[in-house]
PDB file of N, CA and C in Angstrom:
ATOM      1  N   MET A   1     -90.295 108.450   0.304  1.00  0.00           N
ATOM      2  CA  MET A   1     -89.007 107.784   0.236  1.00  0.00           C
ATOM      3  C   MET A   1     -87.968 108.749  -0.334  1.00  0.00           C
ATOM      4  N   ASN A   2     -86.841 108.852   0.312  1.00  0.00           N
ATOM      5  CA  ASN A   2     -85.767 109.744  -0.081  1.00  0.00           C
ATOM      6  C   ASN A   2     -85.032 109.148  -1.285  1.00  0.00           C
ATOM      7  N   GLN A   3     -85.100 109.831  -2.424  1.00  0.00           N
ATOM      8  CA  GLN A   3     -84.449 109.343  -3.643  1.00  0.00           C
ATOM      9  C   GLN A   3     -82.934 109.499  -3.608  1.00  0.00           C
ATOM     10  N   ASP A   4     -82.420 110.268  -2.642  1.00  0.00           N
ATOM     11  CA  ASP A   4     -80.979 110.474  -2.538  1.00  0.00           C
ATOM     12  C   ASP A   4     -80.276 109.352  -1.790  1.00  0.00           C
ATOM     13  N   ILE A   5     -81.041 108.456  -1.174  1.00  0.00           N
ATOM     14  CA  ILE A   5     -80.471 107.328  -0.438  1.00  0.00           C
ATOM     15  C   ILE A   5     -80.817 106.062  -1.196  1.00  0.00           C
ATOM     16  N   LEU A   6     -79.795 105.318  -1.555  1.00  0.00           N
ATOM     17  CA  LEU A   6     -79.979 104.078  -2.314  1.00  0.00           C
ATOM     18  C   LEU A   6     -79.555 102.885  -1.474  1.00  0.00           C
ATOM     19  N   PHE A   7     -80.293 101.798  -1.601  1.00  0.00           N
ATOM     20  CA  PHE A   7     -79.962 100.562  -0.909  1.00  0.00           C
ATOM     21  C   PHE A   7     -79.658  99.484  -1.944  1.00  0.00           C
ATOM     22  N   ALA A   8     -78.504  98.864  -1.811  1.00  0.00           N
ATOM     23  CA  ALA A   8     -78.164  97.731  -2.680  1.00  0.00           C
ATOM     24  C   ALA A   8     -78.902  96.505  -2.170  1.00  0.00           C
ATOM     25  N   ASP A   9     -79.111  95.561  -3.033  1.00  0.00           N
ATOM     26  CA  ASP A   9     -79.778  94.321  -2.637  1.00  0.00           C
ATOM     27  C   ASP A   9     -78.732  93.372  -2.036  1.00  0.00           C
ATOM     28  N   LEU A  10     -78.070  93.862  -1.007  1.00  0.00           N
ATOM     29  CA  LEU A  10     -77.014  93.112  -0.328  1.00  0.00           C
ATOM     30  C   LEU A  10     -77.316  93.096   1.163  1.00  0.00           C
ATOM     31  N   GLN A  11     -76.987  91.998   1.783  1.00  0.00           N
ATOM     32  CA  GLN A  11     -77.096  91.885   3.232  1.00  0.00           C
ATOM     33  C   GLN A  11     -76.186  90.748   3.677  1.00  0.00           C
ATOM     34  N   SER A  12     -75.679  90.868   4.887  1.00  0.00           N
ATOM     35  CA  SER A  12     -74.814  89.809   5.419  1.00  0.00           C
ATOM     36  C   SER A  12     -75.010  89.712   6.922  1.00  0.00           C
ATOM     37  N   TRP A  13     -74.965  88.493   7.414  1.00  0.00           N
ATOM     38  CA  TRP A  13     -75.108  88.202   8.831  1.00  0.00           C
ATOM     39  C   TRP A  13     -73.743  88.281   9.487  1.00  0.00           C
ATOM     40  N   ASP A  14     -73.644  88.969  10.605  1.00  0.00           N
ATOM     41  CA  ASP A  14     -72.416  89.059  11.388  1.00  0.00           C
ATOM     42  C   ASP A  14     -72.697  88.420  12.749  1.00  0.00           C
ATOM     43  N   SER A  15     -72.190  87.218  12.940  1.00  0.00           N
ATOM     44  CA  SER A  15     -72.496  86.478  14.167  1.00  0.00           C
ATOM     45  C   SER A  15     -71.881  87.130  15.406  1.00  0.00           C
ATOM     46  N   GLU A  16     -70.742  87.799  15.255  1.00  0.00           N
ATOM     47  CA  GLU A  16     -70.132  88.472  16.404  1.00  0.00           C
ATOM     48  C   GLU A  16     -70.989  89.633  16.882  1.00  0.00           C
ATOM     49  N   ARG A  17     -71.536  90.395  15.951  1.00  0.00           N
ATOM     50  CA  ARG A  17     -72.371  91.544  16.313  1.00  0.00           C
ATOM     51  C   ARG A  17     -73.828  91.151  16.542  1.00  0.00           C
ATOM     52  N   GLN A  18     -74.175  89.909  16.144  1.00  0.00           N
ATOM     53  CA  GLN A  18     -75.558  89.444  16.243  1.00  0.00           C
ATOM     54  C   GLN A  18     -76.483  90.427  15.520  1.00  0.00           C
ATOM     55  N   ALA A  19     -76.092  90.740  14.275  1.00  0.00           N
ATOM     56  CA  ALA A  19     -76.832  91.718  13.477  1.00  0.00           C
ATOM     57  C   ALA A  19     -76.625  91.451  11.992  1.00  0.00           C
ATOM     58  N   VAL A  20     -77.574  91.931  11.196  1.00  0.00           N
ATOM     59  CA  VAL A  20     -77.475  91.867   9.741  1.00  0.00           C
ATOM     60  C   VAL A  20     -77.049  93.249   9.258  1.00  0.00           C
ATOM     61  N   CYS A  21     -76.057  93.274   8.388  1.00  0.00           N
ATOM     62  CA  CYS A  21     -75.577  94.510   7.787  1.00  0.00           C
ATOM     63  C   CYS A  21     -76.196  94.658   6.402  1.00  0.00           C
ATOM     64  N   PHE A  22     -76.700  95.864   6.118  1.00  0.00           N
ATOM     65  CA  PHE A  22     -77.183  96.164   4.769  1.00  0.00           C
ATOM     66  C   PHE A  22     -76.727  97.580   4.424  1.00  0.00           C
ATOM     67  N   PRO A  23     -76.015  97.725   3.308  1.00  0.00           N
ATOM     68  CA  PRO A  23     -75.423  99.018   2.984  1.00  0.00           C
ATOM     69  C   PRO A  23     -76.406  99.981   2.324  1.00  0.00           C
ATOM     70  N   ALA A  24     -76.186 101.255   2.586  1.00  0.00           N
ATOM     71  CA  ALA A  24     -76.904 102.345   1.928  1.00  0.00           C
ATOM     72  C   ALA A  24     -75.860 103.267   1.314  1.00  0.00           C
ATOM     73  N   GLN A  25     -76.294 104.016   0.328  1.00  0.00           N
ATOM     74  CA  GLN A  25     -75.395 104.981  -0.288  1.00  0.00           C
ATOM     75  C   GLN A  25     -76.117 106.319  -0.388  1.00  0.00           C
ATOM     76  N   GLN A  26     -75.422 107.360   0.057  1.00  0.00           N
ATOM     77  CA  GLN A  26     -75.955 108.720  -0.023  1.00  0.00           C
ATOM     78  C   GLN A  26     -74.848 109.631  -0.510  1.00  0.00           C
ATOM     79  N   ALA A  27     -75.106 110.330  -1.599  1.00  0.00           N
ATOM     80  CA  ALA A  27     -74.125 111.260  -2.180  1.00  0.00           C
ATOM     81  C   ALA A  27     -72.761 110.596  -2.361  1.00  0.00           C
ATOM     82  N   GLY A  28     -72.774 109.344  -2.782  1.00  0.00           N
ATOM     83  CA  GLY A  28     -71.537 108.612  -3.024  1.00  0.00           C
ATOM     84  C   GLY A  28     -70.899 108.000  -1.797  1.00  0.00           C
ATOM     85  N   ALA A  29     -71.406 108.303  -0.618  1.00  0.00           N
ATOM     86  CA  ALA A  29     -70.836 107.763   0.621  1.00  0.00           C
ATOM     87  C   ALA A  29     -71.544 106.469   0.998  1.00  0.00           C
ATOM     88  N   LEU A  30     -70.771 105.471   1.358  1.00  0.00           N
ATOM     89  CA  LEU A  30     -71.317 104.199   1.810  1.00  0.00           C
ATOM     90  C   LEU A  30     -71.629 104.282   3.300  1.00  0.00           C
ATOM     91  N   ILE A  31     -72.841 103.904   3.650  1.00  0.00           N
ATOM     92  CA  ILE A  31     -73.269 103.918   5.057  1.00  0.00           C
ATOM     93  C   ILE A  31     -73.663 102.498   5.429  1.00  0.00           C
ATOM     94  N   ARG A  32     -72.992 101.948   6.424  1.00  0.00           N
ATOM     95  CA  ARG A  32     -73.338 100.611   6.891  1.00  0.00           C
ATOM     96  C   ARG A  32     -74.508 100.715   7.861  1.00  0.00           C
ATOM     97  N   CYS A  33     -75.566  99.989   7.517  1.00  0.00           N
ATOM     98  CA  CYS A  33     -76.748  99.944   8.363  1.00  0.00           C
ATOM     99  C   CYS A  33     -76.834  98.553   8.972  1.00  0.00           C
ATOM    100  N   TRP A  34     -77.248  98.490  10.221  1.00  0.00           N
ATOM    101  CA  TRP A  34     -77.330  97.229  10.952  1.00  0.00           C
ATOM    102  C   TRP A  34     -78.699  97.085  11.582  1.00  0.00           C
ATOM    103  N   VAL A  35     -79.208  95.868  11.539  1.00  0.00           N
ATOM    104  CA  VAL A  35     -80.409  95.552  12.315  1.00  0.00           C
ATOM    105  C   VAL A  35     -80.037  94.403  13.243  1.00  0.00           C
ATOM    106  N   ARG A  36     -80.340  94.587  14.498  1.00  0.00           N
ATOM    107  CA  ARG A  36     -79.989  93.582  15.508  1.00  0.00           C
ATOM    108  C   ARG A  36     -80.926  92.382  15.438  1.00  0.00           C
ATOM    109  N   LEU A  37     -80.374  91.243  15.790  1.00  0.00           N
ATOM    110  CA  LEU A  37     -81.136  89.999  15.794  1.00  0.00           C
ATOM    111  C   LEU A  37     -82.380  90.109  16.666  1.00  0.00           C
ATOM    112  N   ASP A  38     -82.275  90.735  17.824  1.00  0.00           N
ATOM    113  CA  ASP A  38     -83.445  90.820  18.705  1.00  0.00           C
ATOM    114  C   ASP A  38     -84.585  91.611  18.062  1.00  0.00           C
ATOM    115  N   TRP A  39     -84.270  92.611  17.238  1.00  0.00           N
ATOM    116  CA  TRP A  39     -85.315  93.354  16.521  1.00  0.00           C
ATOM    117  C   TRP A  39     -86.026  92.428  15.539  1.00  0.00           C
ATOM    118  N   LEU A  40     -85.243  91.640  14.790  1.00  0.00           N
ATOM    119  CA  LEU A  40     -85.834  90.704  13.825  1.00  0.00           C
ATOM    120  C   LEU A  40     -86.680  89.646  14.520  1.00  0.00           C
ATOM    121  N   GLU A  41     -86.189  89.131  15.642  1.00  0.00           N
ATOM    122  CA  GLU A  41     -86.943  88.106  16.377  1.00  0.00           C
ATOM    123  C   GLU A  41     -88.248  88.676  16.927  1.00  0.00           C
ATOM    124  N   LYS A  42     -88.203  89.909  17.392  1.00  0.00           N
ATOM    125  CA  LYS A  42     -89.421  90.536  17.908  1.00  0.00           C
ATOM    126  C   LYS A  42     -90.446  90.696  16.794  1.00  0.00           C
ATOM    127  N   LYS A  43     -90.023  91.171  15.621  1.00  0.00           N
ATOM    128  CA  LYS A  43     -90.934  91.338  14.495  1.00  0.00           C
ATOM    129  C   LYS A  43     -91.471  89.996  14.003  1.00  0.00           C
ATOM    130  N   ALA A  44     -90.604  88.990  13.947  1.00  0.00           N
ATOM    131  CA  ALA A  44     -91.000  87.670  13.458  1.00  0.00           C
ATOM    132  C   ALA A  44     -91.784  86.882  14.497  1.00  0.00           C
ATOM    133  N   GLU A  45     -91.717  87.341  15.749  1.00  0.00           N
ATOM    134  CA  GLU A  45     -92.374  86.674  16.874  1.00  0.00           C
ATOM    135  C   GLU A  45     -91.923  85.219  17.025  1.00  0.00           C
ATOM    136  N   MET A  46     -90.610  85.023  16.824  1.00  0.00           N
ATOM    137  CA  MET A  46     -90.025  83.693  17.013  1.00  0.00           C
ATOM    138  C   MET A  46     -88.508  83.811  17.115  1.00  0.00           C
ATOM    139  N   ALA A  47     -87.908  82.791  17.692  1.00  0.00           N
ATOM    140  CA  ALA A  47     -86.451  82.735  17.769  1.00  0.00           C
ATOM    141  C   ALA A  47     -85.905  82.384  16.389  1.00  0.00           C
ATOM    142  N   LEU A  48     -84.879  83.084  15.983  1.00  0.00           N
ATOM    143  CA  LEU A  48     -84.221  82.828  14.704  1.00  0.00           C
ATOM    144  C   LEU A  48     -82.848  82.257  15.023  1.00  0.00           C
ATOM    145  N   THR A  49     -82.662  80.973  14.742  1.00  0.00           N
ATOM    146  CA  THR A  49     -81.480  80.279  15.251  1.00  0.00           C
ATOM    147  C   THR A  49     -80.399  79.986  14.227  1.00  0.00           C
ATOM    148  N   ASP A  50     -80.672  80.210  12.943  1.00  0.00           N
ATOM    149  CA  ASP A  50     -79.618  79.965  11.959  1.00  0.00           C
ATOM    150  C   ASP A  50     -79.608  81.088  10.923  1.00  0.00           C
ATOM    151  N   GLU A  51     -78.510  81.185  10.210  1.00  0.00           N
ATOM    152  CA  GLU A  51     -78.317  82.292   9.273  1.00  0.00           C
ATOM    153  C   GLU A  51     -79.415  82.351   8.220  1.00  0.00           C
ATOM    154  N   ALA A  52     -79.844  81.219   7.697  1.00  0.00           N
ATOM    155  CA  ALA A  52     -80.888  81.205   6.664  1.00  0.00           C
ATOM    156  C   ALA A  52     -82.193  81.813   7.196  1.00  0.00           C
ATOM    157  N   ALA A  53     -82.578  81.454   8.406  1.00  0.00           N
ATOM    158  CA  ALA A  53     -83.809  81.994   9.001  1.00  0.00           C
ATOM    159  C   ALA A  53     -83.675  83.488   9.286  1.00  0.00           C
ATOM    160  N   ILE A  54     -82.508  83.890   9.724  1.00  0.00           N
ATOM    161  CA  ILE A  54     -82.265  85.308  10.024  1.00  0.00           C
ATOM    162  C   ILE A  54     -82.355  86.141   8.748  1.00  0.00           C
ATOM    163  N   LEU A  55     -81.702  85.676   7.675  1.00  0.00           N
ATOM    164  CA  LEU A  55     -81.738  86.424   6.424  1.00  0.00           C
ATOM    165  C   LEU A  55     -83.122  86.392   5.782  1.00  0.00           C
ATOM    166  N   ALA A  56     -83.876  85.314   5.996  1.00  0.00           N
ATOM    167  CA  ALA A  56     -85.255  85.251   5.494  1.00  0.00           C
ATOM    168  C   ALA A  56     -86.120  86.282   6.222  1.00  0.00           C
ATOM    169  N   ALA A  57     -85.932  86.400   7.524  1.00  0.00           N
ATOM    170  CA  ALA A  57     -86.669  87.406   8.293  1.00  0.00           C
ATOM    171  C   ALA A  57     -86.270  88.809   7.834  1.00  0.00           C
ATOM    172  N   PHE A  58     -84.986  89.008   7.606  1.00  0.00           N
ATOM    173  CA  PHE A  58     -84.531  90.301   7.101  1.00  0.00           C
ATOM    174  C   PHE A  58     -85.233  90.633   5.779  1.00  0.00           C
ATOM    175  N   ALA A  59     -85.281  89.668   4.875  1.00  0.00           N
ATOM    176  CA  ALA A  59     -85.922  89.887   3.569  1.00  0.00           C
ATOM    177  C   ALA A  59     -87.398  90.245   3.736  1.00  0.00           C
ATOM    178  N   GLU A  60     -88.057  89.602   4.682  1.00  0.00           N
ATOM    179  CA  GLU A  60     -89.474  89.863   4.918  1.00  0.00           C
ATOM    180  C   GLU A  60     -89.720  91.298   5.387  1.00  0.00           C
ATOM    181  N   TYR A  61     -88.810  91.826   6.180  1.00  0.00           N
ATOM    182  CA  TYR A  61     -88.979  93.167   6.755  1.00  0.00           C
ATOM    183  C   TYR A  61     -88.080  94.210   6.116  1.00  0.00           C
ATOM    184  N   ARG A  62     -87.480  93.875   4.986  1.00  0.00           N
ATOM    185  CA  ARG A  62     -86.514  94.764   4.328  1.00  0.00           C
ATOM    186  C   ARG A  62     -87.090  96.156   4.058  1.00  0.00           C
ATOM    187  N   PHE A  63     -88.285  96.230   3.510  1.00  0.00           N
ATOM    188  CA  PHE A  63     -88.876  97.537   3.187  1.00  0.00           C
ATOM    189  C   PHE A  63     -88.976  98.404   4.444  1.00  0.00           C
ATOM    190  N   ASP A  64     -89.482  97.820   5.525  1.00  0.00           N
ATOM    191  CA  ASP A  64     -89.587  98.564   6.794  1.00  0.00           C
ATOM    192  C   ASP A  64     -88.213  98.999   7.290  1.00  0.00           C
ATOM    193  N   LEU A  65     -87.231  98.123   7.171  1.00  0.00           N
ATOM    194  CA  LEU A  65     -85.880  98.425   7.641  1.00  0.00           C
ATOM    195  C   LEU A  65     -85.250  99.551   6.824  1.00  0.00           C
ATOM    196  N   GLU A  66     -85.464  99.524   5.518  1.00  0.00           N
ATOM    197  CA  GLU A  66     -84.925 100.591   4.686  1.00  0.00           C
ATOM    198  C   GLU A  66     -85.575 101.933   5.043  1.00  0.00           C
ATOM    199  N   GLU A  67     -86.866 101.924   5.330  1.00  0.00           N
ATOM    200  CA  GLU A  67     -87.551 103.156   5.744  1.00  0.00           C
ATOM    201  C   GLU A  67     -86.974 103.676   7.069  1.00  0.00           C
ATOM    202  N   LEU A  68     -86.769 102.770   8.025  1.00  0.00           N
ATOM    203  CA  LEU A  68     -86.191 103.166   9.313  1.00  0.00           C
ATOM    204  C   LEU A  68     -84.773 103.706   9.135  1.00  0.00           C
ATOM    205  N   ALA A  69     -83.993 103.032   8.290  1.00  0.00           N
ATOM    206  CA  ALA A  69     -82.623 103.486   8.036  1.00  0.00           C
ATOM    207  C   ALA A  69     -82.626 104.858   7.363  1.00  0.00           C
ATOM    208  N   GLU A  70     -83.510 105.063   6.385  1.00  0.00           N
ATOM    209  CA  GLU A  70     -83.611 106.370   5.721  1.00  0.00           C
ATOM    210  C   GLU A  70     -83.911 107.475   6.727  1.00  0.00           C
ATOM    211  N   SER A  71     -84.862 107.224   7.603  1.00  0.00           N
ATOM    212  CA  SER A  71     -85.205 108.219   8.619  1.00  0.00           C
ATOM    213  C   SER A  71     -84.004 108.527   9.509  1.00  0.00           C
ATOM    214  N   SER A  72     -83.307 107.492   9.916  1.00  0.00           N
ATOM    215  CA  SER A  72     -82.129 107.684  10.774  1.00  0.00           C
ATOM    216  C   SER A  72     -81.029 108.449  10.054  1.00  0.00           C
ATOM    217  N   ILE A  73     -80.842 108.164   8.766  1.00  0.00           N
ATOM    218  CA  ILE A  73     -79.831 108.887   7.982  1.00  0.00           C
ATOM    219  C   ILE A  73     -80.248 110.349   7.846  1.00  0.00           C
ATOM    220  N   ASP A  74     -81.506 110.584   7.506  1.00  0.00           N
ATOM    221  CA  ASP A  74     -82.000 111.966   7.368  1.00  0.00           C
ATOM    222  C   ASP A  74     -81.839 112.754   8.667  1.00  0.00           C
ATOM    223  N   GLU A  75     -82.042 112.081   9.805  1.00  0.00           N
ATOM    224  CA  GLU A  75     -81.930 112.718  11.118  1.00  0.00           C
ATOM    225  C   GLU A  75     -80.498 112.701  11.648  1.00  0.00           C
ATOM    226  N   GLU A  76     -79.583 112.119  10.862  1.00  0.00           N
ATOM    227  CA  GLU A  76     -78.163 112.017  11.221  1.00  0.00           C
ATOM    228  C   GLU A  76     -77.948 111.293  12.550  1.00  0.00           C
ATOM    229  N   ASN A  77     -78.682 110.209  12.736  1.00  0.00           N
ATOM    230  CA  ASN A  77     -78.556 109.389  13.950  1.00  0.00           C
ATOM    231  C   ASN A  77     -77.498 108.303  13.769  1.00  0.00           C
ATOM    232  N   PHE A  78     -76.277 108.718  13.489  1.00  0.00           N
ATOM    233  CA  PHE A  78     -75.168 107.794  13.280  1.00  0.00           C
ATOM    234  C   PHE A  78     -74.496 107.468  14.611  1.00  0.00           C
ATOM    235  N   ASN A  79     -73.943 106.264  14.712  1.00  0.00           N
ATOM    236  CA  ASN A  79     -73.142 105.948  15.894  1.00  0.00           C
ATOM    237  C   ASN A  79     -71.740 106.538  15.709  1.00  0.00           C
ATOM    238  N   GLN A  80     -70.855 106.287  16.641  1.00  0.00           N
ATOM    239  CA  GLN A  80     -69.502 106.861  16.598  1.00  0.00           C
ATOM    240  C   GLN A  80     -68.703 106.399  15.389  1.00  0.00           C
ATOM    241  N   ASP A  81     -69.117 105.269  14.774  1.00  0.00           N
ATOM    242  CA  ASP A  81     -68.416 104.752  13.597  1.00  0.00           C
ATOM    243  C   ASP A  81     -69.088 105.185  12.286  1.00  0.00           C
ATOM    244  N   GLY A  82     -70.106 106.046  12.376  1.00  0.00           N
ATOM    245  CA  GLY A  82     -70.794 106.524  11.191  1.00  0.00           C
ATOM    246  C   GLY A  82     -71.805 105.523  10.647  1.00  0.00           C
ATOM    247  N   GLU A  83     -72.252 104.593  11.489  1.00  0.00           N
ATOM    248  CA  GLU A  83     -73.209 103.558  11.089  1.00  0.00           C
ATOM    249  C   GLU A  83     -74.594 103.856  11.646  1.00  0.00           C
ATOM    250  N   ILE A  84     -75.571 103.229  11.038  1.00  0.00           N
ATOM    251  CA  ILE A  84     -76.949 103.289  11.510  1.00  0.00           C
ATOM    252  C   ILE A  84     -77.252 101.947  12.186  1.00  0.00           C
ATOM    253  N   ILE A  85     -77.794 102.001  13.386  1.00  0.00           N
ATOM    254  CA  ILE A  85     -78.158 100.797  14.131  1.00  0.00           C
ATOM    255  C   ILE A  85     -79.660 100.798  14.353  1.00  0.00           C
ATOM    256  N   ILE A  86     -80.310  99.701  13.982  1.00  0.00           N
ATOM    257  CA  ILE A  86     -81.747  99.538  14.212  1.00  0.00           C
ATOM    258  C   ILE A  86     -81.927  98.413  15.206  1.00  0.00           C
ATOM    259  N   GLY A  87     -82.674  98.700  16.241  1.00  0.00           N
ATOM    260  CA  GLY A  87     -82.971  97.660  17.229  1.00  0.00           C
ATOM    261  C   GLY A  87     -82.263  97.813  18.517  1.00  0.00           C
TER     262      GLY A  87
END
């Protein structure tokens, strides 16, 4: 685990993007990380139809998501807006 990348215990559902945002911080820079709903549904093996269920699934897979985000940050796999997208 990269000690230079920190994750706050924050997450929020964005219904327009159909994704959960969870922030990371590296060298003082805030990096918005996103996991798409379809990724969460695939991992949970069920449809997630409300915000509470979506955030519960996110919490269940948070460790895996942070590892994936760390790898993407280390590999500089940012989108055009400087964000990390999983899924």
